[in-house]
């Protein structure tokens, strides 16, 4: 698993870690049932606090992407392929909703929004 932390980013470090792990799980770089690096080793490799890595792993676990087995480590959830698909759909829906709200805020009509969407689909 390869993670790159941008210390000058406005995105908190734990969120950068979460986003990169989710992305690598989704694209298959990190496989189902694969063990993630330990909290200590990842914090040492990235030169960040172990508490930051722990916070990221805890959130990944609460979101269903990983499972932690006490004494063994943290593993990519082997039953999450459908979950990943659903989370991707939800993410796209949120992006579309935000774009729609932004367009309405700029005074763009629903017909114009539909026309823009159709043009994007045809590209």
Protein backbone atom coordinates (compact mmCIF):
# COMPACT_ATOMS: atom_id res chain seq x y z
CA UNK A 1 0.00 0.00 0.00
CA UNK A 2 1.43 3.33 -1.05
CA UNK A 3 0.35 6.49 0.74
CA UNK A 4 1.58 10.01 0.10
CA UNK A 5 0.82 12.69 2.68
CA UNK A 6 0.77 16.33 1.63
CA UNK A 7 1.60 18.38 4.72
CA UNK A 8 0.70 21.64 2.99
CA UNK A 9 -2.79 20.42 2.03
CA UNK A 10 -5.87 21.88 3.70
CA UNK A 11 -7.21 18.31 3.97
CA UNK A 12 -6.42 16.83 7.39
CA UNK A 13 -3.78 14.08 7.34
CA UNK A 14 -6.18 11.40 8.63
CA UNK A 15 -8.62 12.26 5.82
CA UNK A 16 -5.83 12.05 3.21
CA UNK A 17 -5.03 8.60 4.55
CA UNK A 18 -8.69 7.52 4.51
CA UNK A 19 -9.23 8.77 0.94
CA UNK A 20 -6.11 7.05 -0.37
CA UNK A 21 -6.88 3.72 1.32
CA UNK A 22 -10.48 3.80 0.04
CA UNK A 23 -9.25 4.61 -3.44
CA UNK A 24 -6.72 1.77 -3.40
CA UNK A 25 -9.36 -0.67 -2.15
CA UNK A 26 -11.81 0.50 -4.81
CA UNK A 27 -9.35 0.20 -7.68
CA UNK A 28 -8.03 -3.17 -6.52
CA UNK A 29 -4.52 -2.01 -5.63
CA UNK A 30 -5.22 -3.28 -2.12
CA UNK A 31 -7.08 -6.60 -2.33
CA UNK A 32 -9.88 -8.03 -0.20
CA UNK A 33 -8.58 -9.72 2.98
CA UNK A 34 -5.16 -8.08 2.53
CA UNK A 35 -3.52 -6.90 5.73
CA UNK A 36 -2.84 -3.19 6.05
CA UNK A 37 0.39 -1.97 7.62
CA UNK A 38 0.26 -1.79 11.41
CA UNK A 39 -0.58 1.56 12.97
CA UNK A 40 2.95 1.89 14.33
CA UNK A 41 4.74 0.95 11.12
CA UNK A 42 2.58 3.21 8.94
CA UNK A 43 2.97 6.13 11.33
CA UNK A 44 6.75 5.58 11.32
CA UNK A 45 6.89 5.28 7.50
CA UNK A 46 4.80 8.43 6.98
CA UNK A 47 6.40 10.28 9.88
CA UNK A 48 3.01 11.06 11.42
CA UNK A 49 1.40 10.37 14.78
CA UNK A 50 0.19 6.84 15.50
CA UNK A 51 -3.01 8.44 16.81
CA UNK A 52 -3.62 9.93 13.36
CA UNK A 53 -3.27 6.51 11.70
CA UNK A 54 -5.47 4.94 14.40
CA UNK A 55 -8.16 7.58 13.79
CA UNK A 56 -8.07 6.87 10.04
CA UNK A 57 -8.22 3.09 10.57
CA UNK A 58 -11.11 3.47 13.03
CA UNK A 59 -13.08 5.52 10.53
CA UNK A 60 -12.32 3.06 7.73
CA UNK A 61 -13.60 0.30 9.99
CA UNK A 62 -16.78 2.18 10.91
CA UNK A 63 -17.38 2.79 7.18
CA UNK A 64 -17.04 -0.96 6.53
CA UNK A 65 -13.87 -0.87 4.44
CA UNK A 66 -11.63 -2.70 6.89
CA UNK A 67 -11.92 -5.03 9.87
CA UNK A 68 -9.53 -5.17 12.80
CA UNK A 69 -8.75 -8.50 14.40
CA UNK A 70 -7.34 -7.94 17.87
CA UNK A 71 -3.77 -9.18 18.03
CA UNK A 72 -3.59 -9.91 14.29
CA UNK A 73 -4.02 -6.57 12.49
CA UNK A 74 -6.29 -4.60 10.21
CA UNK A 75 -7.52 -6.23 7.01
CA UNK A 76 -9.48 -5.10 3.96
CA UNK A 77 -13.04 -6.29 4.47
CA UNK A 78 -13.49 -9.40 2.31
CA UNK A 79 -17.23 -8.86 2.02
CA UNK A 80 -17.25 -5.31 0.78
CA UNK A 81 -17.30 -5.39 -3.04
CA UNK A 82 -21.01 -4.51 -3.07
CA UNK A 83 -20.42 -1.97 -0.31
CA UNK A 84 -17.69 -0.29 -2.37
CA UNK A 85 -20.01 -0.11 -5.38
CA UNK A 86 -22.74 1.48 -3.24
CA UNK A 87 -20.33 3.98 -1.70
CA UNK A 88 -19.14 5.00 -5.18
CA UNK A 89 -22.73 5.53 -6.31
CA UNK A 90 -23.48 7.56 -3.18
CA UNK A 91 -20.36 9.69 -3.79
CA UNK A 92 -21.40 10.39 -7.39
CA UNK A 93 -24.94 11.24 -6.27
CA UNK A 94 -23.53 13.71 -3.76
CA UNK A 95 -21.33 15.31 -6.42
CA UNK A 96 -24.25 15.61 -8.84
CA UNK A 97 -26.45 17.06 -6.10
CA UNK A 98 -23.78 19.65 -5.27
CA UNK A 99 -23.37 20.57 -8.94
CA UNK A 100 -27.16 20.90 -9.32
CA UNK A 101 -27.43 23.13 -6.24
CA UNK A 102 -24.53 25.27 -7.46
CA UNK A 103 -26.11 25.66 -10.89
CA UNK A 104 -29.45 26.65 -9.37
CA UNK A 105 -27.60 29.14 -7.17
CA UNK A 106 -26.17 30.72 -10.32
CA UNK A 107 -29.66 31.02 -11.76
CA UNK A 108 -29.27 28.29 -14.37
CA UNK A 109 -32.61 26.73 -15.28
CA UNK A 110 -33.34 23.02 -14.89
CA UNK A 111 -33.63 22.71 -18.68
CA UNK A 112 -30.16 24.23 -19.10
CA UNK A 113 -28.79 21.87 -16.46
CA UNK A 114 -30.34 18.88 -18.26
CA UNK A 115 -28.90 20.12 -21.56
CA UNK A 116 -25.41 20.42 -20.01
CA UNK A 117 -25.72 16.94 -18.54
CA UNK A 118 -26.75 15.48 -21.91
CA UNK A 119 -23.77 17.16 -23.60
CA UNK A 120 -21.39 15.71 -21.01
CA UNK A 121 -22.85 12.21 -21.45
CA UNK A 122 -22.42 12.42 -25.24
CA UNK A 123 -18.72 13.33 -25.02
